[in-house]
Amino acid sequence: MYTDDYYLHKLKAGQLSALDIFFKRYREDLLRYAFHLVGEPSIAEDIVQDVFVSLWENREKVMISENLKPYLVKVVFNDVMDLRRHEKVKEKYRKHSLHVYDEKACDRAESQAEYNELNERLTVVLDSLPAQQKSVYTKIRLEGKKYKDVAEEMGISIKTVEGHFTKAQKKVRTELQDFILILCFALWF
């Protein structure tokens, strides 16, 4: 069995077989580590896959002399931290858009009757959604739950939750767009 140093030289020379050796050697350990950090098998798999793709793409720049595993573990950790920062930004944006959306809907409604009609239309739109989309949208928008919590509660992946939420949000915006435009038009005249 050759050392990492031997295969690193081959990797830097562009031999794909060296990447395959590293993949077979370290994939399982990296998967366990990534899963420990993110708690979602599909996300852990994506992170580890990205680490090996990045290793191949940056093979000429990698400055490792002996053991590759600590480097790969650090890359997994950094990728997980990047993912968490990205999720926090998305969550802040989501909360901000919900707040702005709610404020605008309330400000534009001339009377309680118009506000009630908006709520009724929202209920109709939500009732027209497929069951999982409605459930995901309700849990995130109305109950304020996080994607991860909804995924765990419903037994689906975070990516599936994101997909359901995105589709539901698009439908809600599309269906309510005309009503909100009418309210805006009414305020101008």
C-alpha atoms as a PDB file:
ATOM      1  CA  MET A   1       0.000   0.000   0.000  1.00  0.00           C
ATOM      2  CA  TYR A   2       1.430   3.327  -1.087  1.00  0.00           C
ATOM      3  CA  THR A   3       1.343   6.495   0.999  1.00  0.00           C
ATOM      4  CA  ASP A   4      -0.775   9.557   0.355  1.00  0.00           C
ATOM      5  CA  ASP A   5       2.358  11.382  -0.749  1.00  0.00           C
ATOM      6  CA  TYR A   6       2.862   8.883  -3.587  1.00  0.00           C
ATOM      7  CA  TYR A   7      -0.716   9.299  -4.811  1.00  0.00           C
ATOM      8  CA  LEU A   8      -0.635  13.091  -4.350  1.00  0.00           C
ATOM      9  CA  HIS A   9       2.181  13.266  -6.899  1.00  0.00           C
ATOM     10  CA  LYS A  10       0.112  11.148  -9.285  1.00  0.00           C
ATOM     11  CA  LEU A  11      -2.960  13.302  -8.612  1.00  0.00           C
ATOM     12  CA  LYS A  12      -1.026  16.482  -9.360  1.00  0.00           C
ATOM     13  CA  ALA A  13       0.168  14.854 -12.586  1.00  0.00           C
ATOM     14  CA  GLY A  14      -3.484  14.450 -13.591  1.00  0.00           C
ATOM     15  CA  GLN A  15      -3.929  10.725 -12.964  1.00  0.00           C
ATOM     16  CA  LEU A  16      -7.594  10.171 -12.169  1.00  0.00           C
ATOM     17  CA  SER A  17      -6.761   6.780 -10.660  1.00  0.00           C
ATOM     18  CA  ALA A  18      -5.102   8.607  -7.733  1.00  0.00           C
ATOM     19  CA  LEU A  19      -8.343  10.468  -7.014  1.00  0.00           C
ATOM     20  CA  ASP A  20     -10.164   7.135  -7.096  1.00  0.00           C
ATOM     21  CA  ILE A  21      -7.730   5.755  -4.498  1.00  0.00           C
ATOM     22  CA  PHE A  22      -8.339   8.739  -2.209  1.00  0.00           C
ATOM     23  CA  PHE A  23     -12.074   8.450  -2.733  1.00  0.00           C
ATOM     24  CA  LYS A  24     -12.073   4.776  -1.733  1.00  0.00           C
ATOM     25  CA  ARG A  25      -9.676   5.417   1.143  1.00  0.00           C
ATOM     26  CA  TYR A  26     -11.428   8.396   2.783  1.00  0.00           C
ATOM     27  CA  ARG A  27     -15.021   8.606   1.551  1.00  0.00           C
ATOM     28  CA  GLU A  28     -16.654   6.640   4.378  1.00  0.00           C
ATOM     29  CA  ASP A  29     -14.825   8.521   7.146  1.00  0.00           C
ATOM     30  CA  LEU A  30     -15.662  11.859   5.546  1.00  0.00           C
ATOM     31  CA  LEU A  31     -19.314  10.846   5.118  1.00  0.00           C
ATOM     32  CA  ARG A  32     -19.582   9.933   8.794  1.00  0.00           C
ATOM     33  CA  TYR A  33     -17.973  13.215   9.791  1.00  0.00           C
ATOM     34  CA  ALA A  34     -20.157  15.310   7.469  1.00  0.00           C
ATOM     35  CA  PHE A  35     -23.283  13.478   8.646  1.00  0.00           C
ATOM     36  CA  HIS A  36     -22.278  14.136  12.250  1.00  0.00           C
ATOM     37  CA  LEU A  37     -22.085  17.860  11.431  1.00  0.00           C
ATOM     38  CA  VAL A  38     -25.224  18.236   9.276  1.00  0.00           C
ATOM     39  CA  GLY A  39     -27.456  15.348  10.366  1.00  0.00           C
ATOM     40  CA  GLU A  40     -28.798  14.779   6.845  1.00  0.00           C
ATOM     41  CA  PRO A  41     -27.390  11.904   4.731  1.00  0.00           C
ATOM     42  CA  SER A  42     -28.080  13.494   1.345  1.00  0.00           C
ATOM     43  CA  ILE A  43     -26.446  16.780   2.355  1.00  0.00           C
ATOM     44  CA  ALA A  44     -23.455  14.926   3.811  1.00  0.00           C
ATOM     45  CA  GLU A  45     -23.127  12.999   0.539  1.00  0.00           C
ATOM     46  CA  ASP A  46     -23.264  16.223  -1.498  1.00  0.00           C
ATOM     47  CA  ILE A  47     -20.596  17.847   0.672  1.00  0.00           C
ATOM     48  CA  VAL A  48     -18.216  14.892   0.424  1.00  0.00           C
ATOM     49  CA  GLN A  49     -18.787  14.639  -3.323  1.00  0.00           C
ATOM     50  CA  ASP A  50     -18.019  18.356  -3.678  1.00  0.00           C
ATOM     51  CA  VAL A  51     -14.832  17.931  -1.638  1.00  0.00           C
ATOM     52  CA  PHE A  52     -13.505  15.295  -4.046  1.00  0.00           C
ATOM     53  CA  VAL A  53     -14.536  17.306  -7.101  1.00  0.00           C
ATOM     54  CA  SER A  54     -12.763  20.326  -5.622  1.00  0.00           C
ATOM     55  CA  LEU A  55      -9.683  18.204  -4.882  1.00  0.00           C
ATOM     56  CA  TRP A  56      -9.551  17.138  -8.537  1.00  0.00           C
ATOM     57  CA  GLU A  57     -10.165  20.634  -9.892  1.00  0.00           C
ATOM     58  CA  ASN A  58      -7.530  22.182  -7.596  1.00  0.00           C
ATOM     59  CA  ARG A  59      -5.073  19.289  -7.649  1.00  0.00           C
ATOM     60  CA  GLU A  60      -2.192  21.435  -8.903  1.00  0.00           C
ATOM     61  CA  LYS A  61      -2.679  24.004  -6.124  1.00  0.00           C
ATOM     62  CA  VAL A  62      -3.076  21.603  -3.186  1.00  0.00           C
ATOM     63  CA  MET A  63      -0.169  22.050  -0.799  1.00  0.00           C
ATOM     64  CA  ILE A  64      -0.084  18.791   1.147  1.00  0.00           C
ATOM     65  CA  SER A  65       3.051  16.809   1.650  1.00  0.00           C
ATOM     66  CA  GLU A  66       2.145  13.600   3.482  1.00  0.00           C
ATOM     67  CA  ASN A  67      -1.313  12.829   4.846  1.00  0.00           C
ATOM     68  CA  LEU A  68      -4.359  13.980   2.881  1.00  0.00           C
ATOM     69  CA  LYS A  69      -7.028  13.025   5.444  1.00  0.00           C
ATOM     70  CA  PRO A  70      -6.627  16.037   7.817  1.00  0.00           C
ATOM     71  CA  TYR A  71      -6.830  18.330   4.809  1.00  0.00           C
ATOM     72  CA  LEU A  72     -10.033  16.654   3.563  1.00  0.00           C
ATOM     73  CA  VAL A  73     -11.587  16.751   7.048  1.00  0.00           C
ATOM     74  CA  LYS A  74     -10.854  20.486   7.235  1.00  0.00           C
ATOM     75  CA  VAL A  75     -12.407  21.048   3.794  1.00  0.00           C
ATOM     76  CA  VAL A  76     -15.551  19.153   4.882  1.00  0.00           C
ATOM     77  CA  PHE A  77     -15.740  21.255   8.038  1.00  0.00           C
ATOM     78  CA  ASN A  78     -15.321  24.502   6.077  1.00  0.00           C
ATOM     79  CA  ASP A  79     -17.967  23.456   3.539  1.00  0.00           C
ATOM     80  CA  VAL A  80     -20.409  22.680   6.356  1.00  0.00           C
ATOM     81  CA  MET A  81     -19.736  26.072   7.952  1.00  0.00           C
ATOM     82  CA  ASP A  82     -20.306  27.753   4.565  1.00  0.00           C
ATOM     83  CA  LEU A  83     -23.581  25.851   4.214  1.00  0.00           C
ATOM     84  CA  ARG A  84     -24.697  26.942   7.682  1.00  0.00           C
ATOM     85  CA  ARG A  85     -23.839  30.585   6.944  1.00  0.00           C
ATOM     86  CA  HIS A  86     -25.781  30.331   3.691  1.00  0.00           C
ATOM     87  CA  GLU A  87     -28.776  28.833   5.512  1.00  0.00           C
ATOM     88  CA  LYS A  88     -28.674  31.674   8.065  1.00  0.00           C
ATOM     89  CA  VAL A  89     -28.671  34.254   5.285  1.00  0.00           C
ATOM     90  CA  LYS A  90     -31.586  32.497   3.587  1.00  0.00           C
ATOM     91  CA  GLU A  91     -33.469  32.365   6.888  1.00  0.00           C
ATOM     92  CA  LYS A  92     -32.910  36.090   7.523  1.00  0.00           C
ATOM     93  CA  TYR A  93     -34.079  36.878   4.002  1.00  0.00           C
ATOM     94  CA  ARG A  94     -37.125  34.660   4.432  1.00  0.00           C
ATOM     95  CA  LYS A  95     -38.071  36.334   7.699  1.00  0.00           C
ATOM     96  CA  HIS A  96     -37.489  39.772   6.228  1.00  0.00           C
ATOM     97  CA  SER A  97     -39.587  39.026   3.135  1.00  0.00           C
ATOM     98  CA  LEU A  98     -42.395  37.624   5.265  1.00  0.00           C
ATOM     99  CA  HIS A  99     -42.325  40.737   7.448  1.00  0.00           C
ATOM    100  CA  VAL A 100     -42.287  43.089   4.447  1.00  0.00           C
ATOM    101  CA  TYR A 101     -44.989  41.047   2.708  1.00  0.00           C
ATOM    102  CA  ASP A 102     -47.200  41.156   5.812  1.00  0.00           C
ATOM    103  CA  GLU A 103     -46.589  44.894   6.335  1.00  0.00           C
ATOM    104  CA  LYS A 104     -47.384  45.727   2.734  1.00  0.00           C
ATOM    105  CA  ALA A 105     -50.514  43.606   2.738  1.00  0.00           C
ATOM    106  CA  CYS A 106     -51.756  45.317   5.906  1.00  0.00           C
ATOM    107  CA  ASP A 107     -50.752  48.818   4.794  1.00  0.00           C
ATOM    108  CA  ARG A 108     -52.433  48.450   1.438  1.00  0.00           C
ATOM    109  CA  ALA A 109     -55.693  47.156   2.805  1.00  0.00           C
ATOM    110  CA  GLU A 110     -57.981  50.170   3.180  1.00  0.00           C
ATOM    111  CA  SER A 111     -60.271  48.433   5.561  1.00  0.00           C
ATOM    112  CA  GLN A 112     -60.597  45.314   7.649  1.00  0.00           C
ATOM    113  CA  ALA A 113     -62.886  43.911   4.951  1.00  0.00           C
ATOM    114  CA  GLU A 114     -60.108  44.070   2.346  1.00  0.00           C
ATOM    115  CA  TYR A 115     -57.657  42.500   4.754  1.00  0.00           C
ATOM    116  CA  ASN A 116     -60.174  39.723   5.463  1.00  0.00           C
ATOM    117  CA  GLU A 117     -60.634  39.164   1.740  1.00  0.00           C
ATOM    118  CA  LEU A 118     -56.873  38.853   1.343  1.00  0.00           C
ATOM    119  CA  ASN A 119     -56.826  36.216   4.095  1.00  0.00           C
ATOM    120  CA  GLU A 120     -59.709  34.362   2.456  1.00  0.00           C
ATOM    121  CA  ARG A 121     -57.919  34.363  -0.890  1.00  0.00           C
ATOM    122  CA  LEU A 122     -54.763  33.097   0.794  1.00  0.00           C
ATOM    123  CA  THR A 123     -56.766  30.283   2.358  1.00  0.00           C
ATOM    124  CA  VAL A 124     -58.219  29.372  -1.038  1.00  0.00           C
ATOM    125  CA  VAL A 125     -54.755  29.364  -2.616  1.00  0.00           C
ATOM    126  CA  LEU A 126     -53.337  27.242   0.199  1.00  0.00           C
ATOM    127  CA  ASP A 127     -56.221  24.797  -0.120  1.00  0.00           C
ATOM    128  CA  SER A 128     -55.463  24.421  -3.837  1.00  0.00           C
ATOM    129  CA  LEU A 129     -51.853  23.359  -3.170  1.00  0.00           C
ATOM    130  CA  PRO A 130     -50.804  19.705  -3.032  1.00  0.00           C
ATOM    131  CA  ALA A 131     -50.892  18.411   0.544  1.00  0.00           C
ATOM    132  CA  GLN A 132     -47.123  18.399   1.156  1.00  0.00           C
ATOM    133  CA  GLN A 133     -46.616  21.862  -0.355  1.00  0.00           C
ATOM    134  CA  LYS A 134     -49.434  23.236   1.779  1.00  0.00           C
ATOM    135  CA  SER A 135     -48.059  21.586   4.892  1.00  0.00           C
ATOM    136  CA  VAL A 136     -44.503  22.837   4.263  1.00  0.00           C
ATOM    137  CA  TYR A 137     -45.673  26.370   3.426  1.00  0.00           C
ATOM    138  CA  THR A 138     -47.925  26.529   6.496  1.00  0.00           C
ATOM    139  CA  LYS A 139     -45.227  25.254   8.846  1.00  0.00           C
ATOM    140  CA  ILE A 140     -42.604  27.666   7.530  1.00  0.00           C
ATOM    141  CA  ARG A 141     -44.653  30.789   6.805  1.00  0.00           C
ATOM    142  CA  LEU A 142     -47.418  30.646   9.367  1.00  0.00           C
ATOM    143  CA  GLU A 143     -45.799  28.664  12.181  1.00  0.00           C
ATOM    144  CA  GLY A 144     -42.295  30.108  11.682  1.00  0.00           C
ATOM    145  CA  LYS A 145     -40.498  26.764  11.673  1.00  0.00           C
ATOM    146  CA  LYS A 146     -37.090  26.234  10.104  1.00  0.00           C
ATOM    147  CA  TYR A 147     -36.514  24.072   7.039  1.00  0.00           C
ATOM    148  CA  LYS A 148     -34.544  21.544   9.067  1.00  0.00           C
ATOM    149  CA  ASP A 149     -37.307  21.203  11.670  1.00  0.00           C
ATOM    150  CA  VAL A 150     -39.966  20.773   8.998  1.00  0.00           C
ATOM    151  CA  ALA A 151     -37.819  18.167   7.227  1.00  0.00           C
ATOM    152  CA  GLU A 152     -37.404  16.174  10.436  1.00  0.00           C
ATOM    153  CA  GLU A 153     -41.074  16.479  11.333  1.00  0.00           C
ATOM    154  CA  MET A 154     -42.238  15.341   7.904  1.00  0.00           C
ATOM    155  CA  GLY A 155     -39.509  12.744   7.343  1.00  0.00           C
ATOM    156  CA  ILE A 156     -38.211  14.342   4.130  1.00  0.00           C
ATOM    157  CA  SER A 157     -34.923  15.984   3.133  1.00  0.00           C
ATOM    158  CA  ILE A 158     -34.210  19.678   3.566  1.00  0.00           C
ATOM    159  CA  LYS A 159     -33.861  19.977  -0.218  1.00  0.00           C
ATOM    160  CA  THR A 160     -37.365  18.527  -0.629  1.00  0.00           C
ATOM    161  CA  VAL A 161     -38.695  21.028   1.924  1.00  0.00           C
ATOM    162  CA  GLU A 162     -36.995  23.854  -0.006  1.00  0.00           C
ATOM    163  CA  GLY A 163     -38.528  22.613  -3.251  1.00  0.00           C
ATOM    164  CA  HIS A 164     -42.039  22.366  -1.815  1.00  0.00           C
ATOM    165  CA  PHE A 165     -41.744  25.776  -0.183  1.00  0.00           C
ATOM    166  CA  THR A 166     -40.431  27.457  -3.333  1.00  0.00           C
ATOM    167  CA  LYS A 167     -43.249  26.021  -5.456  1.00  0.00           C
ATOM    168  CA  ALA A 168     -45.901  26.959  -2.882  1.00  0.00           C
ATOM    169  CA  GLN A 169     -44.529  30.480  -2.457  1.00  0.00           C
ATOM    170  CA  LYS A 170     -44.497  31.005  -6.222  1.00  0.00           C
ATOM    171  CA  LYS A 171     -48.127  29.848  -6.462  1.00  0.00           C
ATOM    172  CA  VAL A 172     -49.213  32.102  -3.564  1.00  0.00           C
ATOM    173  CA  ARG A 173     -47.478  35.136  -5.065  1.00  0.00           C
ATOM    174  CA  THR A 174     -48.884  34.441  -8.523  1.00  0.00           C
ATOM    175  CA  GLU A 175     -52.437  33.932  -7.259  1.00  0.00           C
ATOM    176  CA  LEU A 176     -52.432  36.942  -4.946  1.00  0.00           C
ATOM    177  CA  GLN A 177     -50.565  39.276  -7.293  1.00  0.00           C
ATOM    178  CA  ASP A 178     -53.717  40.550  -9.029  1.00  0.00           C
ATOM    179  CA  PHE A 179     -55.531  41.155  -5.751  1.00  0.00           C
ATOM    180  CA  ILE A 180     -52.599  43.108  -4.316  1.00  0.00           C
ATOM    181  CA  LEU A 181     -52.348  45.163  -7.533  1.00  0.00           C
ATOM    182  CA  ILE A 182     -56.055  46.008  -7.251  1.00  0.00           C
ATOM    183  CA  LEU A 183     -55.505  47.145  -3.662  1.00  0.00           C
ATOM    184  CA  CYS A 184     -52.584  49.332  -4.745  1.00  0.00           C
ATOM    185  CA  PHE A 185     -54.621  50.802  -7.591  1.00  0.00           C
ATOM    186  CA  ALA A 186     -57.483  51.529  -5.167  1.00  0.00           C
ATOM    187  CA  LEU A 187     -55.116  53.399  -2.854  1.00  0.00           C
ATOM    188  CA  TRP A 188     -53.985  55.702  -5.650  1.00  0.00           C
ATOM    189  CA  PHE A 189     -57.506  56.800  -6.501  1.00  0.00           C
END
